[in-house]
Amino acid sequence: MDNQIKAIIPDDESILIEGRKLVEREEIADVLKAALQRDPDFILVIEPIVNAPYMGVGKLLYTCQRIGVPPENLRYTMENGEVVTFDELRARTPAEPV
């Protein structure tokens, strides 16, 4: 699939997108805005490194939401390598009652 972009989350501070190490939210936003302009239906595959750095994933998701990347364009890579939608991820890992 050529409209797929992989975002690797190696730690809580940086995100690797299209081979570029991005740290600042504006840098991330600029790359994702350009991707949206090229193809509004692009798929962003989020791939955390072992022990999912939640702050890094949160930073990416917040930026996606802020610039208007549709939630249906987001995918998440599970520990076994399977790529799922966020609806599938939510169904597999239901939130515990508060």
PDB file of N, CA and C in Angstrom:
ATOM      1  N   MET A   1       0.863  -1.177   0.000  1.00  0.00           N
ATOM      2  CA  MET A   1       0.000   0.000   0.000  1.00  0.00           C
ATOM      3  C   MET A   1       0.905   1.233   0.000  1.00  0.00           C
ATOM      4  N   ASP A   2       0.856   2.048  -1.025  1.00  0.00           N
ATOM      5  CA  ASP A   2       1.776   3.166  -1.149  1.00  0.00           C
ATOM      6  C   ASP A   2       1.303   4.428  -0.441  1.00  0.00           C
ATOM      7  N   ASN A   3       0.103   4.439   0.073  1.00  0.00           N
ATOM      8  CA  ASN A   3      -0.356   5.630   0.798  1.00  0.00           C
ATOM      9  C   ASN A   3      -0.225   5.439   2.300  1.00  0.00           C
ATOM     10  N   GLN A   4       0.701   4.568   2.703  1.00  0.00           N
ATOM     11  CA  GLN A   4       0.896   4.248   4.104  1.00  0.00           C
ATOM     12  C   GLN A   4       2.167   4.919   4.608  1.00  0.00           C
ATOM     13  N   ILE A   5       2.077   5.534   5.775  1.00  0.00           N
ATOM     14  CA  ILE A   5       3.225   6.156   6.417  1.00  0.00           C
ATOM     15  C   ILE A   5       3.408   5.476   7.763  1.00  0.00           C
ATOM     16  N   LYS A   6       4.639   5.095   8.055  1.00  0.00           N
ATOM     17  CA  LYS A   6       4.927   4.448   9.333  1.00  0.00           C
ATOM     18  C   LYS A   6       5.510   5.476  10.291  1.00  0.00           C
ATOM     19  N   ALA A   7       4.952   5.525  11.489  1.00  0.00           N
ATOM     20  CA  ALA A   7       5.467   6.375  12.559  1.00  0.00           C
ATOM     21  C   ALA A   7       6.008   5.458  13.644  1.00  0.00           C
ATOM     22  N   ILE A   8       7.313   5.451  13.801  1.00  0.00           N
ATOM     23  CA  ILE A   8       7.950   4.617  14.813  1.00  0.00           C
ATOM     24  C   ILE A   8       8.171   5.480  16.056  1.00  0.00           C
ATOM     25  N   ILE A   9       7.756   4.946  17.195  1.00  0.00           N
ATOM     26  CA  ILE A   9       7.848   5.675  18.462  1.00  0.00           C
ATOM     27  C   ILE A   9       8.935   5.005  19.304  1.00  0.00           C
ATOM     28  N   PRO A  10      10.186   5.466  19.198  1.00  0.00           N
ATOM     29  CA  PRO A  10      11.262   4.805  19.943  1.00  0.00           C
ATOM     30  C   PRO A  10      11.332   5.193  21.417  1.00  0.00           C
ATOM     31  N   ASP A  11      10.777   6.368  21.746  1.00  0.00           N
ATOM     32  CA  ASP A  11      10.836   6.830  23.140  1.00  0.00           C
ATOM     33  C   ASP A  11       9.750   7.888  23.343  1.00  0.00           C
ATOM     34  N   ASP A  12       9.721   8.498  24.512  1.00  0.00           N
ATOM     35  CA  ASP A  12       8.683   9.479  24.819  1.00  0.00           C
ATOM     36  C   ASP A  12       8.914  10.834  24.164  1.00  0.00           C
ATOM     37  N   GLU A  13      10.084  11.069  23.639  1.00  0.00           N
ATOM     38  CA  GLU A  13      10.418  12.376  23.087  1.00  0.00           C
ATOM     39  C   GLU A  13      10.358  12.458  21.571  1.00  0.00           C
ATOM     40  N   SER A  14      10.760  11.398  20.889  1.00  0.00           N
ATOM     41  CA  SER A  14      10.905  11.493  19.431  1.00  0.00           C
ATOM     42  C   SER A  14       9.997  10.526  18.683  1.00  0.00           C
ATOM     43  N   ILE A  15       9.761  10.885  17.429  1.00  0.00           N
ATOM     44  CA  ILE A  15       8.942  10.080  16.532  1.00  0.00           C
ATOM     45  C   ILE A  15       9.676  10.034  15.200  1.00  0.00           C
ATOM     46  N   LEU A  16       9.800   8.855  14.629  1.00  0.00           N
ATOM     47  CA  LEU A  16      10.444   8.709  13.334  1.00  0.00           C
ATOM     48  C   LEU A  16       9.363   8.559  12.270  1.00  0.00           C
ATOM     49  N   ILE A  17       9.292   9.522  11.356  1.00  0.00           N
ATOM     50  CA  ILE A  17       8.321   9.477  10.268  1.00  0.00           C
ATOM     51  C   ILE A  17       9.077   9.685   8.963  1.00  0.00           C
ATOM     52  N   GLU A  18       8.876   8.775   8.030  1.00  0.00           N
ATOM     53  CA  GLU A  18       9.526   8.851   6.724  1.00  0.00           C
ATOM     54  C   GLU A  18      11.040   9.034   6.874  1.00  0.00           C
ATOM     55  N   GLY A  19      11.625   8.327   7.832  1.00  0.00           N
ATOM     56  CA  GLY A  19      13.062   8.371   8.034  1.00  0.00           C
ATOM     57  C   GLY A  19      13.582   9.608   8.745  1.00  0.00           C
ATOM     58  N   ARG A  20      12.701  10.489   9.150  1.00  0.00           N
ATOM     59  CA  ARG A  20      13.110  11.719   9.841  1.00  0.00           C
ATOM     60  C   ARG A  20      12.807  11.604  11.323  1.00  0.00           C
ATOM     61  N   LYS A  21      13.770  11.983  12.148  1.00  0.00           N
ATOM     62  CA  LYS A  21      13.549  12.015  13.595  1.00  0.00           C
ATOM     63  C   LYS A  21      12.941  13.364  13.943  1.00  0.00           C
ATOM     64  N   LEU A  22      11.738  13.333  14.478  1.00  0.00           N
ATOM     65  CA  LEU A  22      10.998  14.545  14.829  1.00  0.00           C
ATOM     66  C   LEU A  22      10.790  14.588  16.338  1.00  0.00           C
ATOM     67  N   VAL A  23      10.977  15.763  16.906  1.00  0.00           N
ATOM     68  CA  VAL A  23      10.807  15.911  18.346  1.00  0.00           C
ATOM     69  C   VAL A  23       9.708  16.922  18.664  1.00  0.00           C
ATOM     70  N   GLU A  24       9.737  18.041  17.996  1.00  0.00           N
ATOM     71  CA  GLU A  24       8.776  19.107  18.274  1.00  0.00           C
ATOM     72  C   GLU A  24       7.422  18.816  17.625  1.00  0.00           C
ATOM     73  N   ARG A  25       6.351  19.175  18.316  1.00  0.00           N
ATOM     74  CA  ARG A  25       4.998  18.942  17.782  1.00  0.00           C
ATOM     75  C   ARG A  25       4.793  19.632  16.442  1.00  0.00           C
ATOM     76  N   GLU A  26       5.362  20.817  16.260  1.00  0.00           N
ATOM     77  CA  GLU A  26       5.190  21.535  14.989  1.00  0.00           C
ATOM     78  C   GLU A  26       5.861  20.804  13.838  1.00  0.00           C
ATOM     79  N   GLU A  27       7.018  20.181  14.101  1.00  0.00           N
ATOM     80  CA  GLU A  27       7.686  19.378  13.074  1.00  0.00           C
ATOM     81  C   GLU A  27       6.791  18.206  12.664  1.00  0.00           C
ATOM     82  N   ILE A  28       6.235  17.555  13.655  1.00  0.00           N
ATOM     83  CA  ILE A  28       5.344  16.410  13.395  1.00  0.00           C
ATOM     84  C   ILE A  28       4.123  16.889  12.618  1.00  0.00           C
ATOM     85  N   ALA A  29       3.552  18.001  13.046  1.00  0.00           N
ATOM     86  CA  ALA A  29       2.371  18.553  12.378  1.00  0.00           C
ATOM     87  C   ALA A  29       2.674  18.880  10.918  1.00  0.00           C
ATOM     88  N   ASP A  30       3.841  19.474  10.647  1.00  0.00           N
ATOM     89  CA  ASP A  30       4.193  19.836   9.271  1.00  0.00           C
ATOM     90  C   ASP A  30       4.277  18.606   8.370  1.00  0.00           C
ATOM     91  N   VAL A  31       4.900  17.540   8.867  1.00  0.00           N
ATOM     92  CA  VAL A  31       5.023  16.307   8.075  1.00  0.00           C
ATOM     93  C   VAL A  31       3.642  15.706   7.808  1.00  0.00           C
ATOM     94  N   LEU A  32       2.790  15.680   8.836  1.00  0.00           N
ATOM     95  CA  LEU A  32       1.461  15.089   8.669  1.00  0.00           C
ATOM     96  C   LEU A  32       0.550  15.961   7.796  1.00  0.00           C
ATOM     97  N   LYS A  33       0.670  17.275   7.902  1.00  0.00           N
ATOM     98  CA  LYS A  33      -0.102  18.167   7.020  1.00  0.00           C
ATOM     99  C   LYS A  33       0.274  17.928   5.562  1.00  0.00           C
ATOM    100  N   ALA A  34       1.568  17.782   5.298  1.00  0.00           N
ATOM    101  CA  ALA A  34       2.027  17.511   3.931  1.00  0.00           C
ATOM    102  C   ALA A  34       1.469  16.180   3.433  1.00  0.00           C
ATOM    103  N   ALA A  35       1.440  15.181   4.302  1.00  0.00           N
ATOM    104  CA  ALA A  35       0.881  13.876   3.937  1.00  0.00           C
ATOM    105  C   ALA A  35      -0.602  13.997   3.616  1.00  0.00           C
ATOM    106  N   LEU A  36      -1.335  14.779   4.415  1.00  0.00           N
ATOM    107  CA  LEU A  36      -2.772  14.996   4.164  1.00  0.00           C
ATOM    108  C   LEU A  36      -2.993  15.699   2.830  1.00  0.00           C
ATOM    109  N   GLN A  37      -2.127  16.641   2.491  1.00  0.00           N
ATOM    110  CA  GLN A  37      -2.266  17.350   1.222  1.00  0.00           C
ATOM    111  C   GLN A  37      -1.995  16.419   0.050  1.00  0.00           C
ATOM    112  N   ARG A  38      -1.001  15.541   0.190  1.00  0.00           N
ATOM    113  CA  ARG A  38      -0.687  14.585  -0.884  1.00  0.00           C
ATOM    114  C   ARG A  38      -1.810  13.571  -1.065  1.00  0.00           C
ATOM    115  N   ASP A  39      -2.354  13.097   0.071  1.00  0.00           N
ATOM    116  CA  ASP A  39      -3.378  12.053   0.023  1.00  0.00           C
ATOM    117  C   ASP A  39      -4.202  12.103   1.307  1.00  0.00           C
ATOM    118  N   PRO A  40      -5.410  12.682   1.258  1.00  0.00           N
ATOM    119  CA  PRO A  40      -6.235  12.786   2.462  1.00  0.00           C
ATOM    120  C   PRO A  40      -6.638  11.431   3.042  1.00  0.00           C
ATOM    121  N   ASP A  41      -6.455  10.363   2.277  1.00  0.00           N
ATOM    122  CA  ASP A  41      -6.812   9.028   2.744  1.00  0.00           C
ATOM    123  C   ASP A  41      -5.598   8.206   3.169  1.00  0.00           C
ATOM    124  N   PHE A  42      -4.441   8.875   3.355  1.00  0.00           N
ATOM    125  CA  PHE A  42      -3.250   8.117   3.745  1.00  0.00           C
ATOM    126  C   PHE A  42      -3.500   7.396   5.067  1.00  0.00           C
ATOM    127  N   ILE A  43      -2.781   6.320   5.268  1.00  0.00           N
ATOM    128  CA  ILE A  43      -2.884   5.527   6.496  1.00  0.00           C
ATOM    129  C   ILE A  43      -1.620   5.750   7.308  1.00  0.00           C
ATOM    130  N   LEU A  44      -1.788   6.149   8.561  1.00  0.00           N
ATOM    131  CA  LEU A  44      -0.666   6.338   9.471  1.00  0.00           C
ATOM    132  C   LEU A  44      -0.590   5.128  10.382  1.00  0.00           C
ATOM    133  N   VAL A  45       0.479   4.348  10.236  1.00  0.00           N
ATOM    134  CA  VAL A  45       0.672   3.150  11.041  1.00  0.00           C
ATOM    135  C   VAL A  45       1.618   3.494  12.185  1.00  0.00           C
ATOM    136  N   ILE A  46       1.099   3.440  13.400  1.00  0.00           N
ATOM    137  CA  ILE A  46       1.872   3.762  14.597  1.00  0.00           C
ATOM    138  C   ILE A  46       2.521   2.485  15.109  1.00  0.00           C
ATOM    139  N   GLU A  47       3.836   2.551  15.242  1.00  0.00           N
ATOM    140  CA  GLU A  47       4.579   1.370  15.664  1.00  0.00           C
ATOM    141  C   GLU A  47       5.474   1.701  16.853  1.00  0.00           C
ATOM    142  N   PRO A  48       4.982   1.453  18.065  1.00  0.00           N
ATOM    143  CA  PRO A  48       5.826   1.706  19.225  1.00  0.00           C
ATOM    144  C   PRO A  48       6.890   0.614  19.342  1.00  0.00           C
ATOM    145  N   ILE A  49       7.991   0.975  19.921  1.00  0.00           N
ATOM    146  CA  ILE A  49       9.032   0.002  20.223  1.00  0.00           C
ATOM    147  C   ILE A  49       8.602  -0.701  21.517  1.00  0.00           C
ATOM    148  N   VAL A  50       9.237  -1.810  21.847  1.00  0.00           N
ATOM    149  CA  VAL A  50       8.895  -2.602  23.031  1.00  0.00           C
ATOM    150  C   VAL A  50       8.629  -1.700  24.243  1.00  0.00           C
ATOM    151  N   ASN A  51       7.673  -2.093  25.028  1.00  0.00           N
ATOM    152  CA  ASN A  51       7.247  -1.360  26.232  1.00  0.00           C
ATOM    153  C   ASN A  51       6.611  -0.016  25.875  1.00  0.00           C
ATOM    154  N   ALA A  52       5.796  -0.005  24.845  1.00  0.00           N
ATOM    155  CA  ALA A  52       5.042   1.149  24.359  1.00  0.00           C
ATOM    156  C   ALA A  52       5.265   2.450  25.127  1.00  0.00           C
ATOM    157  N   PRO A  53       6.042   3.367  24.563  1.00  0.00           N
ATOM    158  CA  PRO A  53       6.230   4.669  25.201  1.00  0.00           C
ATOM    159  C   PRO A  53       4.982   5.523  25.047  1.00  0.00           C
ATOM    160  N   TYR A  54       4.129   5.483  26.043  1.00  0.00           N
ATOM    161  CA  TYR A  54       2.809   6.104  25.939  1.00  0.00           C
ATOM    162  C   TYR A  54       2.841   7.604  25.686  1.00  0.00           C
ATOM    163  N   MET A  55       3.819   8.301  26.248  1.00  0.00           N
ATOM    164  CA  MET A  55       3.872   9.737  26.015  1.00  0.00           C
ATOM    165  C   MET A  55       4.148  10.043  24.542  1.00  0.00           C
ATOM    166  N   GLY A  56       5.015   9.261  23.921  1.00  0.00           N
ATOM    167  CA  GLY A  56       5.307   9.454  22.500  1.00  0.00           C
ATOM    168  C   GLY A  56       4.088   9.171  21.636  1.00  0.00           C
ATOM    169  N   VAL A  57       3.378   8.092  21.955  1.00  0.00           N
ATOM    170  CA  VAL A  57       2.151   7.763  21.218  1.00  0.00           C
ATOM    171  C   VAL A  57       1.124   8.868  21.429  1.00  0.00           C
ATOM    172  N   GLY A  58       0.982   9.334  22.663  1.00  0.00           N
ATOM    173  CA  GLY A  58       0.035  10.413  22.962  1.00  0.00           C
ATOM    174  C   GLY A  58       0.365  11.691  22.211  1.00  0.00           C
ATOM    175  N   LYS A  59       1.636  12.024  22.144  1.00  0.00           N
ATOM    176  CA  LYS A  59       2.083  13.218  21.420  1.00  0.00           C
ATOM    177  C   LYS A  59       1.674  13.126  19.944  1.00  0.00           C
ATOM    178  N   LEU A  60       1.877  11.951  19.360  1.00  0.00           N
ATOM    179  CA  LEU A  60       1.514  11.753  17.958  1.00  0.00           C
ATOM    180  C   LEU A  60       0.002  11.828  17.767  1.00  0.00           C
ATOM    181  N   LEU A  61      -0.755  11.168  18.635  1.00  0.00           N
ATOM    182  CA  LEU A  61      -2.215  11.182  18.507  1.00  0.00           C
ATOM    183  C   LEU A  61      -2.787  12.583  18.700  1.00  0.00           C
ATOM    184  N   TYR A  62      -2.262  13.315  19.667  1.00  0.00           N
ATOM    185  CA  TYR A  62      -2.715  14.681  19.896  1.00  0.00           C
ATOM    186  C   TYR A  62      -2.464  15.533  18.653  1.00  0.00           C
ATOM    187  N   THR A  63      -1.281  15.395  18.065  1.00  0.00           N
ATOM    188  CA  THR A  63      -0.951  16.163  16.865  1.00  0.00           C
ATOM    189  C   THR A  63      -1.875  15.789  15.709  1.00  0.00           C
ATOM    190  N   CYS A  64      -2.140  14.500  15.551  1.00  0.00           N
ATOM    191  CA  CYS A  64      -3.065  14.045  14.494  1.00  0.00           C
ATOM    192  C   CYS A  64      -4.438  14.684  14.676  1.00  0.00           C
ATOM    193  N   GLN A  65      -4.924  14.662  15.896  1.00  0.00           N
ATOM    194  CA  GLN A  65      -6.244  15.231  16.178  1.00  0.00           C
ATOM    195  C   GLN A  65      -6.249  16.728  15.898  1.00  0.00           C
ATOM    196  N   ARG A  66      -5.212  17.417  16.326  1.00  0.00           N
ATOM    197  CA  ARG A  66      -5.129  18.864  16.176  1.00  0.00           C
ATOM    198  C   ARG A  66      -5.129  19.314  14.717  1.00  0.00           C
ATOM    199  N   ILE A  67      -4.478  18.548  13.834  1.00  0.00           N
ATOM    200  CA  ILE A  67      -4.396  18.985  12.438  1.00  0.00           C
ATOM    201  C   ILE A  67      -5.454  18.340  11.545  1.00  0.00           C
ATOM    202  N   GLY A  68      -6.268  17.450  12.117  1.00  0.00           N
ATOM    203  CA  GLY A  68      -7.388  16.906  11.362  1.00  0.00           C
ATOM    204  C   GLY A  68      -7.159  15.600  10.632  1.00  0.00           C
ATOM    205  N   VAL A  69      -6.200  14.790  11.093  1.00  0.00           N
ATOM    206  CA  VAL A  69      -6.046  13.453  10.516  1.00  0.00           C
ATOM    207  C   VAL A  69      -7.237  12.629  11.003  1.00  0.00           C
ATOM    208  N   PRO A  70      -8.057  12.111  10.083  1.00  0.00           N
ATOM    209  CA  PRO A  70      -9.237  11.352  10.497  1.00  0.00           C
ATOM    210  C   PRO A  70      -8.856  10.107  11.311  1.00  0.00           C
ATOM    211  N   PRO A  71      -9.567   9.823  12.390  1.00  0.00           N
ATOM    212  CA  PRO A  71      -9.263   8.639  13.207  1.00  0.00           C
ATOM    213  C   PRO A  71      -9.270   7.341  12.399  1.00  0.00           C
ATOM    214  N   GLU A  72     -10.100   7.278  11.363  1.00  0.00           N
ATOM    215  CA  GLU A  72     -10.149   6.056  10.556  1.00  0.00           C
ATOM    216  C   GLU A  72      -8.880   5.865   9.719  1.00  0.00           C
ATOM    217  N   ASN A  73      -8.013   6.879   9.665  1.00  0.00           N
ATOM    218  CA  ASN A  73      -6.740   6.764   8.943  1.00  0.00           C
ATOM    219  C   ASN A  73      -5.630   6.208   9.829  1.00  0.00           C
ATOM    220  N   LEU A  74      -5.911   6.008  11.102  1.00  0.00           N
ATOM    221  CA  LEU A  74      -4.888   5.573  12.049  1.00  0.00           C
ATOM    222  C   LEU A  74      -4.916   4.061  12.247  1.00  0.00           C
ATOM    223  N   ARG A  75      -3.728   3.492  12.345  1.00  0.00           N
ATOM    224  CA  ARG A  75      -3.563   2.069  12.638  1.00  0.00           C
ATOM    225  C   ARG A  75      -2.526   1.937  13.737  1.00  0.00           C
ATOM    226  N   TYR A  76      -2.548   0.806  14.435  1.00  0.00           N
ATOM    227  CA  TYR A  76      -1.618   0.558  15.529  1.00  0.00           C
ATOM    228  C   TYR A  76      -1.013  -0.828  15.341  1.00  0.00           C
ATOM    229  N   THR A  77       0.288  -0.925  15.535  1.00  0.00           N
ATOM    230  CA  THR A  77       0.970  -2.208  15.393  1.00  0.00           C
ATOM    231  C   THR A  77       1.032  -2.897  16.752  1.00  0.00           C
ATOM    232  N   MET A  78       0.441  -4.080  16.805  1.00  0.00           N
ATOM    233  CA  MET A  78       0.418  -4.855  18.042  1.00  0.00           C
ATOM    234  C   MET A  78       1.793  -5.491  18.281  1.00  0.00           C
ATOM    235  N   GLU A  79       2.011  -6.025  19.478  1.00  0.00           N
ATOM    236  CA  GLU A  79       3.300  -6.650  19.810  1.00  0.00           C
ATOM    237  C   GLU A  79       3.644  -7.810  18.885  1.00  0.00           C
ATOM    238  N   ASN A  80       2.623  -8.491  18.356  1.00  0.00           N
ATOM    239  CA  ASN A  80       2.868  -9.618  17.460  1.00  0.00           C
ATOM    240  C   ASN A  80       3.057  -9.181  16.003  1.00  0.00           C
ATOM    241  N   GLY A  81       3.038  -7.862  15.750  1.00  0.00           N
ATOM    242  CA  GLY A  81       3.249  -7.343  14.405  1.00  0.00           C
ATOM    243  C   GLY A  81       1.979  -7.088  13.615  1.00  0.00           C
ATOM    244  N   GLU A  82       0.848  -7.523  14.154  1.00  0.00           N
ATOM    245  CA  GLU A  82      -0.430  -7.309  13.472  1.00  0.00           C
ATOM    246  C   GLU A  82      -0.799  -5.820  13.524  1.00  0.00           C
ATOM    247  N   VAL A  83      -1.273  -5.306  12.402  1.00  0.00           N
ATOM    248  CA  VAL A  83      -1.681  -3.907  12.323  1.00  0.00           C
ATOM    249  C   VAL A  83      -3.205  -3.851  12.396  1.00  0.00           C
ATOM    250  N   VAL A  84      -3.726  -3.056  13.353  1.00  0.00           N
ATOM    251  CA  VAL A  84      -5.171  -2.997  13.585  1.00  0.00           C
ATOM    252  C   VAL A  84      -5.644  -1.547  13.601  1.00  0.00           C
ATOM    253  N   THR A  85      -6.940  -1.366  13.366  1.00  0.00           N
ATOM    254  CA  THR A  85      -7.536  -0.036  13.506  1.00  0.00           C
ATOM    255  C   THR A  85      -7.675   0.260  14.998  1.00  0.00           C
ATOM    256  N   PHE A  86      -7.939   1.507  15.336  1.00  0.00           N
ATOM    257  CA  PHE A  86      -8.118   1.849  16.747  1.00  0.00           C
ATOM    258  C   PHE A  86      -9.418   1.274  17.289  1.00  0.00           C
ATOM    259  N   ASP A  87     -10.432   1.095  16.446  1.00  0.00           N
ATOM    260  CA  ASP A  87     -11.657   0.428  16.894  1.00  0.00           C
ATOM    261  C   ASP A  87     -11.358  -1.018  17.272  1.00  0.00           C
ATOM    262  N   GLU A  88     -10.541  -1.708  16.463  1.00  0.00           N
ATOM    263  CA  GLU A  88     -10.156  -3.084  16.780  1.00  0.00           C
ATOM    264  C   GLU A  88      -9.320  -3.131  18.060  1.00  0.00           C
ATOM    265  N   LEU A  89      -8.422  -2.166  18.200  1.00  0.00           N
ATOM    266  CA  LEU A  89      -7.590  -2.111  19.397  1.00  0.00           C
ATOM    267  C   LEU A  89      -8.450  -1.915  20.639  1.00  0.00           C
ATOM    268  N   ARG A  90      -9.412  -1.007  20.552  1.00  0.00           N
ATOM    269  CA  ARG A  90     -10.317  -0.746  21.678  1.00  0.00           C
ATOM    270  C   ARG A  90     -11.131  -1.978  22.021  1.00  0.00           C
ATOM    271  N   ALA A  91     -11.595  -2.713  21.016  1.00  0.00           N
ATOM    272  CA  ALA A  91     -12.388  -3.914  21.262  1.00  0.00           C
ATOM    273  C   ALA A  91     -11.566  -5.007  21.942  1.00  0.00           C
ATOM    274  N   ARG A  92     -10.277  -5.059  21.627  1.00  0.00           N
ATOM    275  CA  ARG A  92      -9.412  -6.084  22.210  1.00  0.00           C
ATOM    276  C   ARG A  92      -8.947  -5.736  23.621  1.00  0.00           C
ATOM    277  N   THR A  93      -8.886  -4.455  23.916  1.00  0.00           N
ATOM    278  CA  THR A  93      -8.396  -4.028  25.222  1.00  0.00           C
ATOM    279  C   THR A  93      -9.396  -3.068  25.860  1.00  0.00           C
ATOM    280  N   PRO A  94     -10.548  -3.589  26.285  1.00  0.00           N
ATOM    281  CA  PRO A  94     -11.568  -2.715  26.871  1.00  0.00           C
ATOM    282  C   PRO A  94     -11.062  -2.044  28.140  1.00  0.00           C
ATOM    283  N   ALA A  95     -11.515  -0.834  28.331  1.00  0.00           N
ATOM    284  CA  ALA A  95     -11.131  -0.070  29.518  1.00  0.00           C
ATOM    285  C   ALA A  95     -11.789  -0.667  30.748  1.00  0.00           C
ATOM    286  N   GLU A  96     -11.041  -0.666  31.837  1.00  0.00           N
ATOM    287  CA  GLU A  96     -11.592  -1.159  33.089  1.00  0.00           C
ATOM    288  C   GLU A  96     -12.518  -0.111  33.670  1.00  0.00           C
ATOM    289  N   PRO A  97     -13.535  -0.529  34.432  1.00  0.00           N
ATOM    290  CA  PRO A  97     -14.441   0.442  35.056  1.00  0.00           C
ATOM    291  C   PRO A  97     -13.677   1.385  35.977  1.00  0.00           C
ATOM    292  N   VAL A  98     -14.126   2.612  36.024  1.00  0.00           N
ATOM    293  CA  VAL A  98     -13.464   3.619  36.859  1.00  0.00           C
ATOM    294  C   VAL A  98     -14.078   3.652  38.220  1.00  0.00           C
TER     295      VAL A  98
END
